[in-house]
C-alpha atoms as a PDB file:
ATOM      1  CA  MET A   1     -28.892  36.826  29.875  1.00  0.00           C
ATOM      2  CA  ASP A   2     -25.191  36.564  29.370  1.00  0.00           C
ATOM      3  CA  LYS A   3     -25.129  33.388  30.653  1.00  0.00           C
ATOM      4  CA  ALA A   4     -27.877  32.010  28.205  1.00  0.00           C
ATOM      5  CA  CYS A   5     -25.978  33.719  25.489  1.00  0.00           C
ATOM      6  CA  ALA A   6     -22.339  32.371  26.428  1.00  0.00           C
ATOM      7  CA  TRP A   7     -23.806  28.780  26.665  1.00  0.00           C
ATOM      8  CA  PHE A   8     -25.535  28.953  23.452  1.00  0.00           C
ATOM      9  CA  VAL A   9     -22.178  30.329  21.561  1.00  0.00           C
ATOM     10  CA  VAL A  10     -20.534  26.868  23.153  1.00  0.00           C
ATOM     11  CA  ILE A  11     -22.934  24.605  22.036  1.00  0.00           C
ATOM     12  CA  VAL A  12     -22.584  26.296  18.370  1.00  0.00           C
ATOM     13  CA  VAL A  13     -19.301  26.187  18.421  1.00  0.00           C
ATOM     14  CA  VAL A  14     -19.148  22.691  19.485  1.00  0.00           C
ATOM     15  CA  LEU A  15     -21.747  21.246  16.975  1.00  0.00           C
ATOM     16  CA  PHE A  16     -19.980  23.519  14.430  1.00  0.00           C
ATOM     17  CA  LEU A  17     -16.434  21.468  15.118  1.00  0.00           C
ATOM     18  CA  GLY A  18     -18.383  18.143  15.321  1.00  0.00           C
ATOM     19  CA  LEU A  19     -19.770  18.024  12.335  1.00  0.00           C
ATOM     20  CA  SER A  20     -16.728  19.676  10.258  1.00  0.00           C
ATOM     21  CA  LEU A  21     -14.219  17.139  11.865  1.00  0.00           C
ATOM     22  CA  SER A  22     -16.748  14.378  10.876  1.00  0.00           C
ATOM     23  CA  HIS A  23     -18.275  12.411   7.934  1.00  0.00           C
ATOM     24  CA  ILE A  24     -22.022  11.282   8.738  1.00  0.00           C
ATOM     25  CA  GLY A  25     -23.173   8.783   5.681  1.00  0.00           C
ATOM     26  CA  SER A  26     -24.101   5.530   5.147  1.00  0.00           C
ATOM     27  CA  THR A  27     -23.009   2.608   6.134  1.00  0.00           C
ATOM     28  CA  ASN A  28     -21.123  -0.076   3.915  1.00  0.00           C
ATOM     29  CA  GLN A  29     -19.617  -3.329   4.099  1.00  0.00           C
ATOM     30  CA  GLY A  30     -18.444  -6.176   1.237  1.00  0.00           C
ATOM     31  CA  GLN A  31     -15.458  -7.806  -0.145  1.00  0.00           C
ATOM     32  CA  HIS A  32     -12.960  -6.840  -2.913  1.00  0.00           C
ATOM     33  CA  THR A  33     -10.530  -9.522  -4.825  1.00  0.00           C
ATOM     34  CA  GLY A  34      -7.822  -8.314  -6.496  1.00  0.00           C
ATOM     35  CA  TYR A  35      -3.827  -7.423  -6.344  1.00  0.00           C
ATOM     36  CA  ILE A  36      -2.601  -5.016  -4.045  1.00  0.00           C
ATOM     37  CA  SER A  37      -1.210  -2.184  -6.372  1.00  0.00           C
ATOM     38  CA  ALA A  38       0.242  -0.193  -3.262  1.00  0.00           C
ATOM     39  CA  VAL A  39       0.018   0.733   0.632  1.00  0.00           C
ATOM     40  CA  GLU A  40       1.315   4.152   1.414  1.00  0.00           C
ATOM     41  CA  LYS A  41       0.932   6.225   4.680  1.00  0.00           C
ATOM     42  CA  SER A  42      -0.537   9.936   3.838  1.00  0.00           C
ATOM     43  CA  GLY A  43      -2.196  12.827   5.168  1.00  0.00           C
ATOM     44  CA  LEU A  44      -0.996  16.468   6.128  1.00  0.00           C
ATOM     45  CA  ILE A  45      -2.191  16.278   9.719  1.00  0.00           C
ATOM     46  CA  TRP A  46      -3.580  13.035  10.464  1.00  0.00           C
ATOM     47  CA  LYS A  47      -1.349  10.185   8.793  1.00  0.00           C
ATOM     48  CA  THR A  48      -3.603   6.996   7.970  1.00  0.00           C
ATOM     49  CA  TRP A  49      -2.409   3.899   5.681  1.00  0.00           C
ATOM     50  CA  ARG A  50      -4.227   3.488   2.624  1.00  0.00           C
ATOM     51  CA  ALA A  51      -4.232   0.660   0.024  1.00  0.00           C
ATOM     52  CA  TYR A  52      -4.900   0.037  -3.287  1.00  0.00           C
ATOM     53  CA  VAL A  53      -6.824  -2.915  -5.005  1.00  0.00           C
ATOM     54  CA  LYS A  54      -6.822  -3.575  -8.907  1.00  0.00           C
ATOM     55  CA  THR A  55      -9.294  -6.341  -9.813  1.00  0.00           C
ATOM     56  CA  ASP A  56      -7.129  -6.666 -12.877  1.00  0.00           C
ATOM     57  CA  PRO A  57      -3.682  -5.828 -12.830  1.00  0.00           C
ATOM     58  CA  GLN A  58      -3.695  -4.576 -16.334  1.00  0.00           C
ATOM     59  CA  SER A  59      -6.811  -2.045 -15.560  1.00  0.00           C
ATOM     60  CA  SER A  60      -6.158   1.319 -14.471  1.00  0.00           C
ATOM     61  CA  GLN A  61      -8.939   1.372 -12.023  1.00  0.00           C
ATOM     62  CA  GLU A  62      -7.942   1.167  -8.628  1.00  0.00           C
ATOM     63  CA  ASP A  63     -10.096   1.318  -5.472  1.00  0.00           C
ATOM     64  CA  ASP A  64      -8.605   2.712  -2.006  1.00  0.00           C
ATOM     65  CA  TYR A  65      -8.950   1.677   1.061  1.00  0.00           C
ATOM     66  CA  CYS A  66      -8.228   2.733   4.452  1.00  0.00           C
ATOM     67  CA  VAL A  67      -6.070   0.423   6.959  1.00  0.00           C
ATOM     68  CA  GLU A  68      -6.152   0.839  10.306  1.00  0.00           C
ATOM     69  CA  ASP A  69      -4.774  -2.383  11.834  1.00  0.00           C
ATOM     70  CA  ASP A  70      -0.600  -2.727  11.482  1.00  0.00           C
ATOM     71  CA  ALA A  71      -0.741  -6.147  11.217  1.00  0.00           C
ATOM     72  CA  ILE A  72      -3.136  -5.841   8.027  1.00  0.00           C
ATOM     73  CA  VAL A  73      -1.027  -3.323   6.874  1.00  0.00           C
ATOM     74  CA  SER A  74       1.996  -5.642   6.909  1.00  0.00           C
ATOM     75  CA  ALA A  75      -0.046  -8.452   5.062  1.00  0.00           C
ATOM     76  CA  LEU A  76      -1.259  -5.943   2.799  1.00  0.00           C
ATOM     77  CA  GLN A  77       2.997  -5.176   1.768  1.00  0.00           C
ATOM     78  CA  SER A  78       3.529  -8.930   1.306  1.00  0.00           C
ATOM     79  CA  ALA A  79       0.510  -9.228  -1.111  1.00  0.00           C
ATOM     80  CA  GLN A  80       1.908  -6.212  -2.986  1.00  0.00           C
ATOM     81  CA  GLU A  81       5.766  -7.547  -2.964  1.00  0.00           C
ATOM     82  CA  SER A  82       4.521 -11.229  -3.951  1.00  0.00           C
ATOM     83  CA  ARG A  83       1.644 -10.016  -6.338  1.00  0.00           C
ATOM     84  CA  LYS A  84      -0.590 -12.576  -5.079  1.00  0.00           C
ATOM     85  CA  ILE A  85      -4.391 -12.118  -5.344  1.00  0.00           C
ATOM     86  CA  VAL A  86      -6.173 -11.578  -2.075  1.00  0.00           C
ATOM     87  CA  THR A  87      -9.838 -10.498  -0.786  1.00  0.00           C
ATOM     88  CA  VAL A  88     -10.051  -7.614   1.518  1.00  0.00           C
ATOM     89  CA  SER A  89     -13.353  -7.390   3.806  1.00  0.00           C
ATOM     90  CA  TYR A  90     -13.824  -3.783   4.431  1.00  0.00           C
ATOM     91  CA  SER A  91     -16.635  -1.727   6.135  1.00  0.00           C
ATOM     92  CA  LEU A  92     -17.678   1.906   6.673  1.00  0.00           C
ATOM     93  CA  PRO A  93     -19.147   3.071   9.788  1.00  0.00           C
ATOM     94  CA  ARG A  94     -22.211   5.632  10.010  1.00  0.00           C
ATOM     95  CA  LEU A  95     -19.711   8.149  12.106  1.00  0.00           C
ATOM     96  CA  VAL A  96     -16.383   8.792  11.070  1.00  0.00           C
ATOM     97  CA  PHE A  97     -14.186  11.714  12.105  1.00  0.00           C
ATOM     98  CA  LYS A  98     -11.665  13.524   9.888  1.00  0.00           C
ATOM     99  CA  TRP A  99      -8.753  11.303  11.665  1.00  0.00           C
ATOM    100  CA  GLN A 100      -9.865   8.312  11.021  1.00  0.00           C
ATOM    101  CA  CYS A 101      -9.123   7.680   6.997  1.00  0.00           C
ATOM    102  CA  GLY A 102      -9.569  11.175   6.257  1.00  0.00           C
ATOM    103  CA  GLY A 103     -13.410  10.689   7.056  1.00  0.00           C
ATOM    104  CA  GLU A 104     -14.935   9.322   4.039  1.00  0.00           C
ATOM    105  CA  SER A 105     -13.182   6.081   3.244  1.00  0.00           C
ATOM    106  CA  SER A 106     -13.842   2.481   3.674  1.00  0.00           C
ATOM    107  CA  ILE A 107     -11.781   0.744   5.959  1.00  0.00           C
ATOM    108  CA  ILE A 108     -10.062  -3.032   5.645  1.00  0.00           C
ATOM    109  CA  ARG A 109     -11.134  -5.172   8.445  1.00  0.00           C
ATOM    110  CA  SER A 110      -9.527  -8.341   6.950  1.00  0.00           C
ATOM    111  CA  ILE A 111      -7.518 -10.126   4.469  1.00  0.00           C
ATOM    112  CA  GLN A 112      -7.505 -13.599   2.955  1.00  0.00           C
END
């Protein structure tokens, strides 16, 4: 009985940790055309790159995206410095762990 109880506790702990360190949601993908207002690296434990996109430079609304690829980070920083309009393609997988972009952000996959 003690072995069965120990295995039950292990399974419960693993499930709890797995669910608390991940985000399970709906997938999405799309494109956003606009200006890059900021590219920054942030996070307390897991540092991730974030890019902020505004449709209109005068607008106060901006959408934030996660960036995992260093080449895309460089391209976004160049677009921010030159203030040129770009189109980013993004997606969000169904299962995202907390160390992947905070667990809830769409991820930029390419920039044009």
